[in-house]
């Protein structure tokens, strides 16, 4: 599909964590952030895609990073990096060929990445 339409095949799929893997909400108790809610099928889908391209997850949530790391890196065996939304486009450009990268996000600042990559997807929260 991609090769026909774009005359090349993407090599990388980079996904923002919150709002794409999670419900996008922030859960706090008196001790601070304590939980994120993840979907059940993400792991199966990404295991299929891992055979076709490199998968990378990014998040700007430093307070919830250990929660995200437990699910994404430890349980799903996918690399996750802490990268702020404002630095994300330049970070991606340093690490990846953007013309061979798909990006999926849901944040206000994700447009900074959307306009630079091969293909972009915006996750809409209902």
N, C-alpha and C. Protein backbone atom coordinates (compact mmCIF):
# COMPACT_ATOMS: atom_id res chain seq x y z
N UNK A 1 0.82 -1.19 0.00
CA UNK A 1 0.00 0.00 0.00
C UNK A 1 0.87 1.26 0.00
N UNK A 2 1.78 1.40 0.96
CA UNK A 2 2.62 2.59 1.02
C UNK A 2 3.53 2.69 -0.19
N UNK A 3 4.12 1.55 -0.57
CA UNK A 3 5.08 1.58 -1.66
C UNK A 3 4.42 2.08 -2.95
N UNK A 4 3.23 1.61 -3.23
CA UNK A 4 2.52 2.03 -4.42
C UNK A 4 2.21 3.52 -4.40
N UNK A 5 1.69 3.98 -3.29
CA UNK A 5 1.24 5.37 -3.18
C UNK A 5 2.41 6.35 -3.05
N UNK A 6 3.40 6.00 -2.28
CA UNK A 6 4.47 6.94 -1.96
C UNK A 6 5.82 6.57 -2.56
N UNK A 7 5.89 5.44 -3.27
CA UNK A 7 7.11 5.00 -3.92
C UNK A 7 8.24 4.69 -2.93
N UNK A 8 7.91 4.40 -1.70
CA UNK A 8 8.87 3.96 -0.69
C UNK A 8 8.12 3.26 0.44
N UNK A 9 8.84 2.57 1.28
CA UNK A 9 8.24 1.84 2.38
C UNK A 9 8.74 2.43 3.69
N UNK A 10 7.85 2.74 4.63
CA UNK A 10 8.31 3.29 5.92
C UNK A 10 9.11 2.26 6.70
N UNK A 11 10.09 2.75 7.46
CA UNK A 11 10.95 1.88 8.25
C UNK A 11 10.70 2.02 9.74
N UNK A 12 10.08 3.13 10.16
CA UNK A 12 9.93 3.43 11.58
C UNK A 12 8.49 3.83 11.88
N UNK A 13 8.02 3.41 13.04
CA UNK A 13 6.71 3.83 13.54
C UNK A 13 6.93 4.36 14.95
N UNK A 14 6.74 5.65 15.13
CA UNK A 14 6.93 6.30 16.42
C UNK A 14 5.57 6.71 16.95
N UNK A 15 5.28 6.33 18.18
CA UNK A 15 3.99 6.60 18.79
C UNK A 15 4.17 7.39 20.08
N UNK A 16 3.38 8.43 20.23
CA UNK A 16 3.30 9.14 21.51
C UNK A 16 2.54 8.24 22.47
N UNK A 17 2.88 8.26 23.73
CA UNK A 17 2.27 7.34 24.68
C UNK A 17 0.86 7.76 25.11
N UNK A 18 0.77 8.89 25.81
CA UNK A 18 -0.50 9.28 26.43
C UNK A 18 -1.51 9.73 25.39
N UNK A 19 -2.68 9.12 25.44
CA UNK A 19 -3.72 9.41 24.48
C UNK A 19 -3.70 8.47 23.29
N UNK A 20 -2.60 7.79 23.06
CA UNK A 20 -2.51 6.78 22.01
C UNK A 20 -2.56 5.39 22.63
N UNK A 21 -1.70 5.12 23.60
CA UNK A 21 -1.72 3.85 24.33
C UNK A 21 -2.66 3.91 25.52
N UNK A 22 -2.89 5.09 26.06
CA UNK A 22 -3.70 5.24 27.27
C UNK A 22 -4.99 5.98 26.95
N UNK A 23 -5.82 6.11 27.97
CA UNK A 23 -7.08 6.86 27.80
C UNK A 23 -6.85 8.37 27.85
N UNK A 24 -5.61 8.80 28.06
CA UNK A 24 -5.28 10.21 28.05
C UNK A 24 -5.58 10.96 29.33
N UNK A 25 -6.13 10.28 30.30
CA UNK A 25 -6.46 10.92 31.58
C UNK A 25 -5.29 10.82 32.54
N UNK A 26 -5.27 11.69 33.52
CA UNK A 26 -4.23 11.67 34.55
C UNK A 26 -4.90 11.28 35.86
N UNK A 27 -4.41 10.22 36.48
CA UNK A 27 -4.98 9.71 37.71
C UNK A 27 -4.07 10.05 38.88
N UNK A 28 -4.61 10.77 39.84
CA UNK A 28 -3.86 11.19 41.03
C UNK A 28 -4.57 10.72 42.29
N UNK A 29 -3.79 10.49 43.32
CA UNK A 29 -4.32 10.37 44.67
C UNK A 29 -3.52 11.34 45.54
N UNK A 30 -3.64 11.25 46.84
CA UNK A 30 -2.95 12.20 47.72
C UNK A 30 -1.43 12.11 47.61
N UNK A 31 -0.91 11.01 47.08
CA UNK A 31 0.53 10.84 46.92
C UNK A 31 1.04 11.25 45.54
N UNK A 32 0.13 11.65 44.67
CA UNK A 32 0.53 12.06 43.32
C UNK A 32 0.04 11.08 42.27
N UNK A 33 0.66 11.14 41.07
CA UNK A 33 0.26 10.28 39.97
C UNK A 33 0.52 8.82 40.35
N UNK A 34 -0.47 7.98 40.09
CA UNK A 34 -0.29 6.60 40.50
C UNK A 34 -0.74 5.58 39.47
N UNK A 35 -1.39 6.01 38.36
CA UNK A 35 -1.94 5.01 37.46
C UNK A 35 -2.11 5.58 36.06
N UNK A 36 -1.97 4.71 35.05
CA UNK A 36 -2.33 4.99 33.67
C UNK A 36 -3.16 3.79 33.21
N UNK A 37 -4.12 4.03 32.35
CA UNK A 37 -4.96 2.95 31.83
C UNK A 37 -4.55 2.67 30.39
N UNK A 38 -4.10 1.43 30.12
CA UNK A 38 -3.65 1.02 28.80
C UNK A 38 -4.68 0.12 28.15
N UNK A 39 -4.69 0.12 26.82
CA UNK A 39 -5.55 -0.78 26.07
C UNK A 39 -5.01 -2.20 26.10
N UNK A 40 -5.87 -3.15 25.87
CA UNK A 40 -5.49 -4.56 25.96
C UNK A 40 -4.86 -5.10 24.68
N UNK A 41 -5.14 -4.52 23.53
CA UNK A 41 -4.73 -5.10 22.25
C UNK A 41 -3.48 -4.47 21.64
N UNK A 42 -2.95 -3.43 22.25
CA UNK A 42 -1.79 -2.74 21.68
C UNK A 42 -0.61 -3.68 21.45
N UNK A 43 -0.35 -4.53 22.40
CA UNK A 43 0.81 -5.41 22.31
C UNK A 43 0.71 -6.34 21.10
N UNK A 44 -0.43 -6.94 20.89
CA UNK A 44 -0.61 -7.86 19.76
C UNK A 44 -0.42 -7.14 18.43
N UNK A 45 -1.01 -5.98 18.30
CA UNK A 45 -0.90 -5.21 17.05
C UNK A 45 0.54 -4.82 16.77
N UNK A 46 1.24 -4.34 17.77
CA UNK A 46 2.62 -3.89 17.56
C UNK A 46 3.57 -5.06 17.35
N UNK A 47 3.27 -6.21 17.89
CA UNK A 47 4.09 -7.39 17.60
C UNK A 47 4.03 -7.75 16.13
N UNK A 48 2.90 -7.57 15.51
CA UNK A 48 2.77 -7.79 14.06
C UNK A 48 3.60 -6.76 13.31
N UNK A 49 3.47 -5.50 13.69
CA UNK A 49 4.19 -4.42 13.00
C UNK A 49 5.71 -4.49 13.20
N UNK A 50 6.16 -5.04 14.33
CA UNK A 50 7.60 -5.17 14.61
C UNK A 50 8.32 -5.96 13.52
N UNK A 51 7.59 -6.84 12.84
CA UNK A 51 8.19 -7.64 11.77
C UNK A 51 8.43 -6.79 10.53
N UNK A 52 7.78 -5.64 10.44
CA UNK A 52 7.86 -4.80 9.26
C UNK A 52 8.68 -3.54 9.45
N UNK A 53 8.76 -3.05 10.68
CA UNK A 53 9.45 -1.78 10.92
C UNK A 53 9.85 -1.65 12.38
N UNK A 54 10.72 -0.69 12.65
CA UNK A 54 11.15 -0.40 14.02
C UNK A 54 10.03 0.37 14.73
N UNK A 55 9.74 -0.03 15.95
CA UNK A 55 8.71 0.63 16.75
C UNK A 55 9.40 1.41 17.87
N UNK A 56 9.00 2.66 18.06
CA UNK A 56 9.54 3.50 19.13
C UNK A 56 8.38 4.23 19.79
N UNK A 57 8.38 4.27 21.11
CA UNK A 57 7.37 5.01 21.86
C UNK A 57 8.06 6.18 22.55
N UNK A 58 7.39 7.33 22.55
CA UNK A 58 7.91 8.52 23.22
C UNK A 58 6.83 9.07 24.15
N UNK A 59 7.29 9.72 25.21
CA UNK A 59 6.39 10.39 26.14
C UNK A 59 7.08 11.62 26.69
N UNK A 60 6.29 12.61 27.03
CA UNK A 60 6.81 13.81 27.68
C UNK A 60 6.48 13.79 29.18
N UNK A 61 5.84 12.74 29.63
CA UNK A 61 5.36 12.64 31.01
C UNK A 61 6.44 12.09 31.93
N UNK A 62 7.25 12.98 32.49
CA UNK A 62 8.33 12.53 33.38
C UNK A 62 7.79 11.96 34.69
N UNK A 63 6.69 12.49 35.20
CA UNK A 63 6.14 11.99 36.46
C UNK A 63 5.57 10.58 36.32
N UNK A 64 5.02 10.26 35.16
CA UNK A 64 4.45 8.93 34.94
C UNK A 64 5.34 8.00 34.14
N UNK A 65 6.62 8.39 33.98
CA UNK A 65 7.50 7.61 33.11
C UNK A 65 7.71 6.19 33.61
N UNK A 66 7.86 5.99 34.90
CA UNK A 66 8.09 4.64 35.41
C UNK A 66 6.88 3.73 35.19
N UNK A 67 5.68 4.29 35.24
CA UNK A 67 4.47 3.52 34.94
C UNK A 67 4.49 3.11 33.48
N UNK A 68 4.79 4.07 32.60
CA UNK A 68 4.84 3.81 31.17
C UNK A 68 5.94 2.81 30.82
N UNK A 69 7.08 2.96 31.45
CA UNK A 69 8.21 2.06 31.20
C UNK A 69 7.84 0.63 31.56
N UNK A 70 7.13 0.45 32.65
CA UNK A 70 6.71 -0.89 33.08
C UNK A 70 5.86 -1.54 31.99
N UNK A 71 4.90 -0.82 31.45
CA UNK A 71 4.02 -1.40 30.42
C UNK A 71 4.72 -1.55 29.07
N UNK A 72 5.34 -0.48 28.60
CA UNK A 72 5.86 -0.45 27.24
C UNK A 72 7.19 -1.21 27.11
N UNK A 73 8.13 -0.89 27.94
CA UNK A 73 9.47 -1.47 27.80
C UNK A 73 9.57 -2.85 28.47
N UNK A 74 9.10 -2.94 29.70
CA UNK A 74 9.25 -4.19 30.43
C UNK A 74 8.27 -5.27 29.96
N UNK A 75 6.99 -4.90 29.81
CA UNK A 75 5.97 -5.89 29.43
C UNK A 75 5.88 -6.13 27.93
N UNK A 76 5.99 -5.06 27.12
CA UNK A 76 5.81 -5.18 25.67
C UNK A 76 7.13 -5.28 24.91
N UNK A 77 8.25 -5.07 25.60
CA UNK A 77 9.57 -5.12 24.99
C UNK A 77 9.73 -4.14 23.81
N UNK A 78 9.23 -2.91 24.03
CA UNK A 78 9.36 -1.83 23.05
C UNK A 78 10.07 -0.68 23.74
N UNK A 79 11.03 -0.10 23.07
CA UNK A 79 11.80 1.00 23.63
C UNK A 79 10.91 2.22 23.85
N UNK A 80 11.07 2.89 24.98
CA UNK A 80 10.36 4.13 25.27
C UNK A 80 11.37 5.18 25.70
N UNK A 81 11.20 6.39 25.18
CA UNK A 81 12.10 7.50 25.51
C UNK A 81 11.29 8.67 26.04
N UNK A 82 11.90 9.40 26.94
CA UNK A 82 11.32 10.62 27.49
C UNK A 82 11.79 11.79 26.64
N UNK A 83 10.87 12.37 25.87
CA UNK A 83 11.19 13.48 24.96
C UNK A 83 10.06 14.49 25.04
N UNK A 84 10.40 15.74 25.36
CA UNK A 84 9.35 16.76 25.49
C UNK A 84 8.68 17.00 24.14
N UNK A 85 7.47 17.50 24.19
CA UNK A 85 6.71 17.77 22.96
C UNK A 85 7.39 18.82 22.09
N UNK A 86 8.01 19.81 22.70
CA UNK A 86 8.66 20.87 21.93
C UNK A 86 9.98 20.41 21.30
N UNK A 87 10.62 19.41 21.87
CA UNK A 87 11.89 18.89 21.32
C UNK A 87 11.70 17.68 20.42
N UNK A 88 10.49 17.19 20.32
CA UNK A 88 10.25 15.91 19.65
C UNK A 88 10.64 15.92 18.18
N UNK A 89 10.28 16.94 17.44
CA UNK A 89 10.60 16.98 16.00
C UNK A 89 12.10 16.94 15.77
N UNK A 90 12.85 17.72 16.52
CA UNK A 90 14.31 17.72 16.33
C UNK A 90 14.92 16.41 16.82
N UNK A 91 14.42 15.84 17.91
CA UNK A 91 14.91 14.56 18.40
C UNK A 91 14.69 13.47 17.35
N UNK A 92 13.51 13.44 16.76
CA UNK A 92 13.21 12.45 15.73
C UNK A 92 14.11 12.61 14.52
N UNK A 93 14.35 13.87 14.13
CA UNK A 93 15.21 14.14 12.97
C UNK A 93 16.64 13.66 13.21
N UNK A 94 17.10 13.70 14.44
CA UNK A 94 18.44 13.21 14.77
C UNK A 94 18.52 11.68 14.75
N UNK A 95 17.43 11.02 15.12
CA UNK A 95 17.43 9.57 15.28
C UNK A 95 16.96 8.79 14.06
N UNK A 96 16.11 9.40 13.24
CA UNK A 96 15.44 8.68 12.17
C UNK A 96 15.45 9.47 10.87
N UNK A 97 15.33 8.76 9.77
CA UNK A 97 15.06 9.38 8.49
C UNK A 97 13.56 9.70 8.49
N UNK A 98 13.20 10.96 8.59
CA UNK A 98 11.80 11.34 8.73
C UNK A 98 10.96 10.98 7.51
N UNK A 99 11.61 10.87 6.35
CA UNK A 99 10.88 10.49 5.14
C UNK A 99 10.55 9.00 5.10
N UNK A 100 11.02 8.27 6.12
CA UNK A 100 10.69 6.85 6.24
C UNK A 100 10.09 6.56 7.61
N UNK A 101 9.47 7.59 8.21
CA UNK A 101 8.93 7.46 9.56
C UNK A 101 7.46 7.83 9.60
N UNK A 102 6.68 6.98 10.26
CA UNK A 102 5.27 7.24 10.56
C UNK A 102 5.21 7.70 12.01
N UNK A 103 4.38 8.71 12.28
CA UNK A 103 4.24 9.22 13.65
C UNK A 103 2.76 9.25 14.01
N UNK A 104 2.44 8.79 15.22
CA UNK A 104 1.07 8.84 15.72
C UNK A 104 1.07 9.56 17.05
N UNK A 105 0.24 10.59 17.16
CA UNK A 105 0.14 11.36 18.38
C UNK A 105 -1.26 11.91 18.57
N UNK A 106 -1.45 12.61 19.66
CA UNK A 106 -2.76 13.19 19.94
C UNK A 106 -2.67 14.58 20.57
N UNK A 107 -1.46 15.07 20.78
CA UNK A 107 -1.28 16.31 21.52
C UNK A 107 -1.36 17.56 20.66
N UNK A 108 -1.53 18.67 21.34
CA UNK A 108 -1.62 19.97 20.68
C UNK A 108 -0.36 20.28 19.87
N UNK A 109 0.80 19.89 20.38
CA UNK A 109 2.06 20.21 19.72
C UNK A 109 2.53 19.13 18.74
N UNK A 110 1.77 18.08 18.58
CA UNK A 110 2.18 17.03 17.65
C UNK A 110 2.21 17.50 16.20
N UNK A 111 1.52 18.58 15.89
CA UNK A 111 1.57 19.10 14.52
C UNK A 111 3.00 19.46 14.13
N UNK A 112 3.85 19.76 15.10
CA UNK A 112 5.25 20.07 14.81
C UNK A 112 5.96 18.86 14.20
N UNK A 113 5.52 17.67 14.55
CA UNK A 113 6.07 16.44 13.98
C UNK A 113 5.29 16.05 12.73
N UNK A 114 3.98 16.17 12.76
CA UNK A 114 3.12 15.73 11.66
C UNK A 114 3.57 16.28 10.31
N UNK A 115 3.96 17.52 10.29
CA UNK A 115 4.31 18.15 9.01
C UNK A 115 5.67 17.73 8.48
N UNK A 116 6.46 17.00 9.27
CA UNK A 116 7.83 16.66 8.87
C UNK A 116 8.03 15.20 8.49
N UNK A 117 7.12 14.33 8.88
CA UNK A 117 7.31 12.90 8.67
C UNK A 117 6.65 12.40 7.39
N UNK A 118 7.00 11.18 7.04
CA UNK A 118 6.47 10.49 5.87
C UNK A 118 4.94 10.40 5.92
N UNK A 119 4.43 10.01 7.07
CA UNK A 119 2.99 9.83 7.24
C UNK A 119 2.67 10.06 8.70
N UNK A 120 1.55 10.74 8.99
CA UNK A 120 1.18 10.99 10.38
C UNK A 120 -0.26 10.61 10.64
N UNK A 121 -0.54 10.26 11.89
CA UNK A 121 -1.89 9.89 12.32
C UNK A 121 -2.18 10.63 13.62
N UNK A 122 -3.37 11.15 13.72
CA UNK A 122 -3.80 11.81 14.95
C UNK A 122 -4.84 10.94 15.63
N UNK A 123 -4.56 10.57 16.87
CA UNK A 123 -5.50 9.79 17.67
C UNK A 123 -6.53 10.76 18.23
N UNK A 124 -7.79 10.50 17.96
CA UNK A 124 -8.86 11.35 18.47
C UNK A 124 -9.48 10.70 19.69
N UNK A 125 -9.58 11.46 20.75
CA UNK A 125 -10.21 10.95 21.98
C UNK A 125 -11.70 11.24 21.92
N UNK A 126 -12.49 10.21 22.15
CA UNK A 126 -13.94 10.38 22.13
C UNK A 126 -14.50 10.45 23.52
